[in-house]
Amino acid sequence: MRAFDEAIIMHPTLRGLFRYWRSLSRDGALPLRRDLDPIAMRPFLPHLYLLDAGAMPDDLRYRLAGTRIVEAFGFDPSRRTRADIRAEHVRPERRSEFDRTSAETQRIVSQRIVAYTHDHMTSYTKDFMCYARLNMPISEDGLAATGVFGAIYSSTDPDPFWDVFADMHVEISVDTILKGPV
């Protein structure tokens, strides 16, 4: 098995968040939600989200959404499921894109993967933007993934990163990252 090269996470701030998540792993176990420290995560907080997983993608529930996410959405998704958000805020012509993102996010939990994405999206309040997103599984017991810890940065943030932006989506097994060779 080859070691995971964190350079695949091209957004420098998301790479720092990935290092933080990885530092929470004990003996190759999934990081525990209770170990997430708001003080250690202070630089990331406006862009962070936590989701609790359910059986289906529609059951994903936002536990926390940072201020930049609330601004991009145009509403606070906290305590809402993806099904609630689709019903209340997603236009019919955008539902397939929304459902694809929900399914990708659910796979973080069901398949114990880390996913890093660059893509374009139509937000709820703006017409079009680029984003870089990192999704990582978290756990209550270190074994079963029970939620998603992640962050999203958009092209509305002033950063030279957006000058060399290219679409990409990479998924890596947690076992490759946390238990593979270093």
C-alpha atoms as a PDB file:
ATOM      1  CA  MET A   1       0.000   0.000   0.000  1.00  0.00           C
ATOM      2  CA  ARG A   2       1.422   3.406  -0.856  1.00  0.00           C
ATOM      3  CA  ALA A   3       1.541   6.228   1.653  1.00  0.00           C
ATOM      4  CA  PHE A   4      -0.880   9.113   1.338  1.00  0.00           C
ATOM      5  CA  ASP A   5       0.672  12.294  -0.043  1.00  0.00           C
ATOM      6  CA  GLU A   6      -1.093  15.239   1.600  1.00  0.00           C
ATOM      7  CA  ALA A   7       0.117  17.505  -1.230  1.00  0.00           C
ATOM      8  CA  ILE A   8      -2.943  16.276  -3.143  1.00  0.00           C
ATOM      9  CA  ILE A   9      -4.856  18.729  -0.926  1.00  0.00           C
ATOM     10  CA  MET A  10      -3.863  21.779  -2.908  1.00  0.00           C
ATOM     11  CA  HIS A  11      -5.661  24.450  -0.875  1.00  0.00           C
ATOM     12  CA  PRO A  12      -3.086  25.403   1.809  1.00  0.00           C
ATOM     13  CA  THR A  13      -5.623  26.147   4.547  1.00  0.00           C
ATOM     14  CA  LEU A  14      -7.473  22.890   3.929  1.00  0.00           C
ATOM     15  CA  ARG A  15      -4.143  21.053   4.064  1.00  0.00           C
ATOM     16  CA  GLY A  16      -3.679  22.558   7.554  1.00  0.00           C
ATOM     17  CA  LEU A  17      -7.157  21.361   8.555  1.00  0.00           C
ATOM     18  CA  PHE A  18      -6.327  17.892   7.252  1.00  0.00           C
ATOM     19  CA  ARG A  19      -3.168  17.822   9.414  1.00  0.00           C
ATOM     20  CA  TYR A  20      -5.251  18.824  12.419  1.00  0.00           C
ATOM     21  CA  TRP A  21      -7.807  16.030  11.747  1.00  0.00           C
ATOM     22  CA  ARG A  22      -5.007  13.498  11.304  1.00  0.00           C
ATOM     23  CA  SER A  23      -3.364  14.610  14.571  1.00  0.00           C
ATOM     24  CA  LEU A  24      -6.538  13.572  16.413  1.00  0.00           C
ATOM     25  CA  SER A  25      -6.220   9.942  15.347  1.00  0.00           C
ATOM     26  CA  ARG A  26      -4.970   7.577  18.028  1.00  0.00           C
ATOM     27  CA  ASP A  27      -3.308   4.386  16.819  1.00  0.00           C
ATOM     28  CA  GLY A  28      -4.942   4.608  13.396  1.00  0.00           C
ATOM     29  CA  ALA A  29      -8.490   5.041  14.764  1.00  0.00           C
ATOM     30  CA  LEU A  30     -10.907   7.601  13.375  1.00  0.00           C
ATOM     31  CA  PRO A  31     -10.702  10.979  15.102  1.00  0.00           C
ATOM     32  CA  LEU A  32     -13.344  11.444  17.781  1.00  0.00           C
ATOM     33  CA  ARG A  33     -15.870  14.252  17.501  1.00  0.00           C
ATOM     34  CA  ARG A  34     -15.429  15.060  21.195  1.00  0.00           C
ATOM     35  CA  ASP A  35     -11.715  15.763  20.576  1.00  0.00           C
ATOM     36  CA  LEU A  36     -12.423  18.579  18.108  1.00  0.00           C
ATOM     37  CA  ASP A  37     -11.136  21.700  19.863  1.00  0.00           C
ATOM     38  CA  PRO A  38     -12.672  25.048  18.838  1.00  0.00           C
ATOM     39  CA  ILE A  39      -9.604  26.913  20.065  1.00  0.00           C
ATOM     40  CA  ALA A  40      -7.253  24.792  17.940  1.00  0.00           C
ATOM     41  CA  MET A  41      -9.629  25.216  14.990  1.00  0.00           C
ATOM     42  CA  ARG A  42     -10.043  28.988  15.376  1.00  0.00           C
ATOM     43  CA  PRO A  43      -8.524  29.882  11.955  1.00  0.00           C
ATOM     44  CA  PHE A  44     -10.899  27.458  10.221  1.00  0.00           C
ATOM     45  CA  LEU A  45     -14.136  28.135  12.150  1.00  0.00           C
ATOM     46  CA  PRO A  46     -15.909  30.409   9.634  1.00  0.00           C
ATOM     47  CA  HIS A  47     -15.530  27.689   6.972  1.00  0.00           C
ATOM     48  CA  LEU A  48     -16.170  24.579   9.095  1.00  0.00           C
ATOM     49  CA  TYR A  49     -19.153  22.299   9.228  1.00  0.00           C
ATOM     50  CA  LEU A  50     -20.063  19.200  11.174  1.00  0.00           C
ATOM     51  CA  LEU A  51     -22.713  16.817   9.963  1.00  0.00           C
ATOM     52  CA  ASP A  52     -24.262  13.889  11.768  1.00  0.00           C
ATOM     53  CA  ALA A  53     -24.849  10.920   9.483  1.00  0.00           C
ATOM     54  CA  GLY A  54     -27.997   8.891   9.133  1.00  0.00           C
ATOM     55  CA  ALA A  55     -28.898   5.883   7.037  1.00  0.00           C
ATOM     56  CA  MET A  56     -29.432   7.876   3.826  1.00  0.00           C
ATOM     57  CA  PRO A  57     -27.896  10.983   2.238  1.00  0.00           C
ATOM     58  CA  ASP A  58     -31.099  12.934   2.984  1.00  0.00           C
ATOM     59  CA  ASP A  59     -30.592  12.155   6.693  1.00  0.00           C
ATOM     60  CA  LEU A  60     -27.308  14.082   6.957  1.00  0.00           C
ATOM     61  CA  ARG A  61     -27.926  16.760   9.585  1.00  0.00           C
ATOM     62  CA  TYR A  62     -25.837  19.891  10.040  1.00  0.00           C
ATOM     63  CA  ARG A  63     -24.682  20.088  13.641  1.00  0.00           C
ATOM     64  CA  LEU A  64     -22.602  23.213  12.982  1.00  0.00           C
ATOM     65  CA  ALA A  65     -22.029  25.586  10.075  1.00  0.00           C
ATOM     66  CA  GLY A  66     -19.493  28.404  10.123  1.00  0.00           C
ATOM     67  CA  THR A  67     -20.361  31.990   9.274  1.00  0.00           C
ATOM     68  CA  ARG A  68     -18.916  31.809   5.747  1.00  0.00           C
ATOM     69  CA  ILE A  69     -21.109  28.783   5.027  1.00  0.00           C
ATOM     70  CA  VAL A  70     -24.161  30.592   6.375  1.00  0.00           C
ATOM     71  CA  GLU A  71     -23.290  33.559   4.112  1.00  0.00           C
ATOM     72  CA  ALA A  72     -22.873  31.317   1.052  1.00  0.00           C
ATOM     73  CA  PHE A  73     -26.101  29.428   1.765  1.00  0.00           C
ATOM     74  CA  GLY A  74     -28.034  32.569   2.675  1.00  0.00           C
ATOM     75  CA  PHE A  75     -29.430  30.772   5.738  1.00  0.00           C
ATOM     76  CA  ASP A  76     -28.125  28.794   8.701  1.00  0.00           C
ATOM     77  CA  PRO A  77     -28.334  25.067   7.913  1.00  0.00           C
ATOM     78  CA  SER A  78     -27.657  24.069  11.555  1.00  0.00           C
ATOM     79  CA  ARG A  79     -30.062  21.436  12.879  1.00  0.00           C
ATOM     80  CA  ARG A  80     -31.480  20.880   9.372  1.00  0.00           C
ATOM     81  CA  THR A  81     -31.182  17.720   7.322  1.00  0.00           C
ATOM     82  CA  ARG A  82     -30.222  17.696   3.671  1.00  0.00           C
ATOM     83  CA  ALA A  83     -33.852  16.719   2.932  1.00  0.00           C
ATOM     84  CA  ASP A  84     -35.093  19.813   4.820  1.00  0.00           C
ATOM     85  CA  ILE A  85     -32.696  22.046   2.898  1.00  0.00           C
ATOM     86  CA  ARG A  86     -33.664  20.563  -0.478  1.00  0.00           C
ATOM     87  CA  ALA A  87     -37.366  21.049   0.250  1.00  0.00           C
ATOM     88  CA  GLU A  88     -36.983  24.611   1.544  1.00  0.00           C
ATOM     89  CA  HIS A  89     -34.158  26.104  -0.521  1.00  0.00           C
ATOM     90  CA  VAL A  90     -33.127  24.134  -3.610  1.00  0.00           C
ATOM     91  CA  ARG A  91     -34.731  25.012  -6.921  1.00  0.00           C
ATOM     92  CA  PRO A  92     -35.967  21.986  -8.891  1.00  0.00           C
ATOM     93  CA  GLU A  93     -33.353  22.466 -11.645  1.00  0.00           C
ATOM     94  CA  ARG A  94     -30.564  22.266  -9.022  1.00  0.00           C
ATOM     95  CA  ARG A  95     -31.792  19.197  -7.137  1.00  0.00           C
ATOM     96  CA  SER A  96     -29.754  16.613  -9.047  1.00  0.00           C
ATOM     97  CA  GLU A  97     -26.537  18.539  -8.294  1.00  0.00           C
ATOM     98  CA  PHE A  98     -27.606  18.894  -4.648  1.00  0.00           C
ATOM     99  CA  ASP A  99     -28.437  15.170  -4.413  1.00  0.00           C
ATOM    100  CA  ARG A 100     -25.049  14.255  -5.947  1.00  0.00           C
ATOM    101  CA  THR A 101     -23.282  16.300  -3.265  1.00  0.00           C
ATOM    102  CA  SER A 102     -25.407  14.681  -0.546  1.00  0.00           C
ATOM    103  CA  ALA A 103     -24.494  11.200  -1.836  1.00  0.00           C
ATOM    104  CA  GLU A 104     -20.782  12.103  -1.999  1.00  0.00           C
ATOM    105  CA  THR A 105     -20.933  13.379   1.578  1.00  0.00           C
ATOM    106  CA  GLN A 106     -22.739  10.256   2.804  1.00  0.00           C
ATOM    107  CA  ARG A 107     -19.983   8.107   1.235  1.00  0.00           C
ATOM    108  CA  ILE A 108     -17.469   9.803   3.564  1.00  0.00           C
ATOM    109  CA  VAL A 109     -19.207   7.965   6.398  1.00  0.00           C
ATOM    110  CA  SER A 110     -20.363   4.744   4.752  1.00  0.00           C
ATOM    111  CA  GLN A 111     -17.023   4.027   3.047  1.00  0.00           C
ATOM    112  CA  ARG A 112     -14.692   5.721   5.566  1.00  0.00           C
ATOM    113  CA  ILE A 113     -13.018   8.007   3.065  1.00  0.00           C
ATOM    114  CA  VAL A 114     -11.551  11.480   2.940  1.00  0.00           C
ATOM    115  CA  ALA A 115     -12.664  13.521  -0.070  1.00  0.00           C
ATOM    116  CA  TYR A 116     -11.034  16.634  -1.461  1.00  0.00           C
ATOM    117  CA  THR A 117     -12.851  18.552  -4.197  1.00  0.00           C
ATOM    118  CA  HIS A 118     -12.385  21.590  -6.423  1.00  0.00           C
ATOM    119  CA  ASP A 119     -15.530  22.385  -8.347  1.00  0.00           C
ATOM    120  CA  HIS A 120     -17.950  25.068  -9.475  1.00  0.00           C
ATOM    121  CA  MET A 121     -21.376  25.546  -7.973  1.00  0.00           C
ATOM    122  CA  THR A 122     -24.398  27.697  -8.008  1.00  0.00           C
ATOM    123  CA  SER A 123     -24.932  28.772  -4.445  1.00  0.00           C
ATOM    124  CA  TYR A 124     -28.275  29.525  -2.888  1.00  0.00           C
ATOM    125  CA  THR A 125     -27.640  33.282  -2.879  1.00  0.00           C
ATOM    126  CA  LYS A 126     -25.042  33.843  -5.611  1.00  0.00           C
ATOM    127  CA  ASP A 127     -25.014  32.778  -9.218  1.00  0.00           C
ATOM    128  CA  PHE A 128     -21.706  30.995  -9.557  1.00  0.00           C
ATOM    129  CA  MET A 129     -18.483  30.391  -7.670  1.00  0.00           C
ATOM    130  CA  CYS A 130     -15.545  28.017  -7.417  1.00  0.00           C
ATOM    131  CA  TYR A 131     -14.876  26.126  -4.223  1.00  0.00           C
ATOM    132  CA  ALA A 132     -12.370  23.843  -2.532  1.00  0.00           C
ATOM    133  CA  ARG A 133     -13.878  21.404  -0.023  1.00  0.00           C
ATOM    134  CA  LEU A 134     -12.427  18.813   2.330  1.00  0.00           C
ATOM    135  CA  ASN A 135     -14.641  16.164   3.952  1.00  0.00           C
ATOM    136  CA  MET A 136     -13.302  13.811   6.644  1.00  0.00           C
ATOM    137  CA  PRO A 137     -15.108  11.198   8.726  1.00  0.00           C
ATOM    138  CA  ILE A 138     -15.368  11.511  12.491  1.00  0.00           C
ATOM    139  CA  SER A 139     -16.501   9.013  15.068  1.00  0.00           C
ATOM    140  CA  GLU A 140     -17.949   8.607  18.531  1.00  0.00           C
ATOM    141  CA  ASP A 141     -15.890   5.485  19.308  1.00  0.00           C
ATOM    142  CA  GLY A 142     -12.914   5.608  16.889  1.00  0.00           C
ATOM    143  CA  LEU A 143     -14.255   2.666  14.863  1.00  0.00           C
ATOM    144  CA  ALA A 144     -17.532   3.519  13.160  1.00  0.00           C
ATOM    145  CA  ALA A 145     -17.793   6.759  11.211  1.00  0.00           C
ATOM    146  CA  THR A 146     -20.793   8.686  12.519  1.00  0.00           C
ATOM    147  CA  GLY A 147     -20.360  12.094  10.954  1.00  0.00           C
ATOM    148  CA  VAL A 148     -18.484  14.389   8.637  1.00  0.00           C
ATOM    149  CA  PHE A 149     -16.018  17.082   9.644  1.00  0.00           C
ATOM    150  CA  GLY A 150     -15.153  19.439   6.851  1.00  0.00           C
ATOM    151  CA  ALA A 151     -14.627  22.894   5.479  1.00  0.00           C
ATOM    152  CA  ILE A 152     -15.281  24.751   2.284  1.00  0.00           C
ATOM    153  CA  TYR A 153     -13.503  27.775   0.879  1.00  0.00           C
ATOM    154  CA  SER A 154     -14.945  29.679  -2.059  1.00  0.00           C
ATOM    155  CA  SER A 155     -13.613  31.958  -4.739  1.00  0.00           C
ATOM    156  CA  THR A 156     -15.313  34.821  -2.909  1.00  0.00           C
ATOM    157  CA  ASP A 157     -12.376  34.618  -0.459  1.00  0.00           C
ATOM    158  CA  PRO A 158      -9.432  36.713  -1.688  1.00  0.00           C
ATOM    159  CA  ASP A 159      -6.629  34.207  -2.220  1.00  0.00           C
ATOM    160  CA  PRO A 160      -4.137  33.631  -5.058  1.00  0.00           C
ATOM    161  CA  PHE A 161      -5.152  29.955  -4.924  1.00  0.00           C
ATOM    162  CA  TRP A 162      -8.093  30.767  -7.199  1.00  0.00           C
ATOM    163  CA  ASP A 163      -5.772  32.025  -9.951  1.00  0.00           C
ATOM    164  CA  VAL A 164      -4.652  28.452 -10.733  1.00  0.00           C
ATOM    165  CA  PHE A 165      -7.907  26.656  -9.963  1.00  0.00           C
ATOM    166  CA  ALA A 166      -8.729  23.383 -11.760  1.00  0.00           C
ATOM    167  CA  ASP A 167     -11.663  21.008 -11.202  1.00  0.00           C
ATOM    168  CA  MET A 168     -10.806  17.796  -9.350  1.00  0.00           C
ATOM    169  CA  HIS A 169     -12.268  15.245  -6.946  1.00  0.00           C
ATOM    170  CA  VAL A 170     -10.113  12.774  -5.006  1.00  0.00           C
ATOM    171  CA  GLU A 171     -11.263  10.158  -2.501  1.00  0.00           C
ATOM    172  CA  ILE A 172      -8.815   8.290  -0.276  1.00  0.00           C
ATOM    173  CA  SER A 173      -9.508   5.479   2.165  1.00  0.00           C
ATOM    174  CA  VAL A 174      -9.069   6.399   5.815  1.00  0.00           C
ATOM    175  CA  ASP A 175      -7.063   3.200   6.269  1.00  0.00           C
ATOM    176  CA  THR A 176      -4.560   4.384   3.651  1.00  0.00           C
ATOM    177  CA  ILE A 177      -4.210   7.690   5.491  1.00  0.00           C
ATOM    178  CA  LEU A 178      -4.260   6.633   9.129  1.00  0.00           C
ATOM    179  CA  LYS A 179      -2.842   3.102   8.962  1.00  0.00           C
ATOM    180  CA  GLY A 180      -0.735   3.094   5.803  1.00  0.00           C
ATOM    181  CA  PRO A 181       3.016   3.621   5.661  1.00  0.00           C
ATOM    182  CA  VAL A 182       4.163   7.131   6.442  1.00  0.00           C
END
